[in-house]
Protein backbone atom coordinates (compact mmCIF):
# COMPACT_ATOMS: atom_id res chain seq x y z
CA MET A 1 81.56 54.50 3.73
CA THR A 2 83.52 51.44 4.69
CA ILE A 3 82.67 49.30 7.66
CA LYS A 4 85.62 47.65 9.35
CA LYS A 5 85.78 43.88 9.71
CA ALA A 6 86.18 44.19 13.47
CA SER A 7 82.91 46.12 13.73
CA ILE A 8 81.06 43.51 11.71
CA LEU A 9 82.58 40.69 13.76
CA LYS A 10 81.46 42.38 16.99
CA ILE A 11 77.91 41.91 15.72
CA ILE A 12 78.28 38.50 14.05
CA ASN A 13 80.21 36.70 16.81
CA PRO A 14 77.60 37.01 19.60
CA ILE A 15 74.82 36.10 17.18
CA VAL A 16 76.75 33.00 16.05
CA GLY A 17 77.22 32.04 19.69
CA LEU A 18 73.53 32.43 20.48
CA LEU A 19 72.50 30.52 17.37
CA PHE A 20 74.91 27.72 18.24
CA LEU A 21 73.43 27.46 21.74
CA SER A 22 69.88 27.55 20.38
CA GLN A 23 70.61 24.82 17.82
CA ALA A 24 72.30 22.70 20.49
CA GLY A 25 69.36 23.23 22.85
CA LEU A 26 66.86 22.35 20.17
CA GLY A 27 68.84 19.21 19.38
CA ILE A 28 69.07 18.16 23.01
CA PHE A 29 65.42 18.85 23.80
CA HIS A 30 63.87 17.85 20.45
CA GLU A 31 61.91 15.05 22.15
CA ILE A 32 60.28 17.56 24.53
CA ILE A 33 59.59 20.36 22.05
CA PRO A 34 56.42 19.93 19.95
CA TYR A 35 57.14 18.76 16.39
CA GLU A 36 55.64 21.83 14.68
CA ILE A 37 57.60 24.28 16.81
CA PHE A 38 60.85 22.33 16.41
CA HIS A 39 60.61 22.28 12.61
CA ALA A 40 59.47 25.90 12.41
CA ILE A 41 62.52 27.06 14.40
CA HIS A 42 65.32 24.56 13.75
CA GLY A 43 65.49 24.85 9.96
CA PRO A 44 65.50 28.64 9.55
CA LEU A 45 67.91 29.15 12.46
CA GLY A 46 70.18 26.49 10.97
CA TYR A 47 70.34 28.35 7.65
CA ILE A 48 71.04 31.66 9.38
CA PHE A 49 73.69 29.99 11.56
CA THR A 50 75.39 28.51 8.49
CA LEU A 51 75.35 31.84 6.65
CA LEU A 52 76.87 33.67 9.62
CA VAL A 53 79.55 31.00 10.18
CA VAL A 54 80.58 31.29 6.52
CA SER A 55 80.65 35.10 6.92
CA HIS A 56 82.73 34.72 10.08
CA ILE A 57 85.25 32.50 8.29
CA TYR A 58 85.39 34.89 5.33
CA LEU A 59 86.04 37.89 7.58
CA ASN A 60 88.75 36.01 9.51
CA TRP A 61 90.35 34.34 6.50
CA ASN A 62 93.65 36.26 6.74
CA TRP A 63 94.01 35.25 10.41
CA ILE A 64 93.20 31.62 9.53
CA LYS A 65 95.80 31.59 6.73
CA THR A 66 98.43 33.13 8.99
CA ASN A 67 97.90 30.75 11.89
CA PHE A 68 96.96 27.45 10.25
CA PHE A 69 98.62 27.48 6.85
CA LYS A 70 102.10 28.59 7.86
CA LYS A 71 104.94 27.48 5.66
CA ASN A 72 107.80 25.82 7.47
CA ARG A 73 110.95 27.86 7.29
């Protein structure tokens, strides 16, 4: 059974968005959030965010090549 890229991206994209907002919020409010909670959340979510961004780029690589690495004619 093959899963289409579009189906995977429909799952990955919202998660990447939420993780971006959570990382940004943690960064903005790191002075308010207790140290233990900040370090328990920020690191693991950062690794997951990075993994999903790399997956997102991999799944969209053909689109990226087409739109950003065009050869001048």
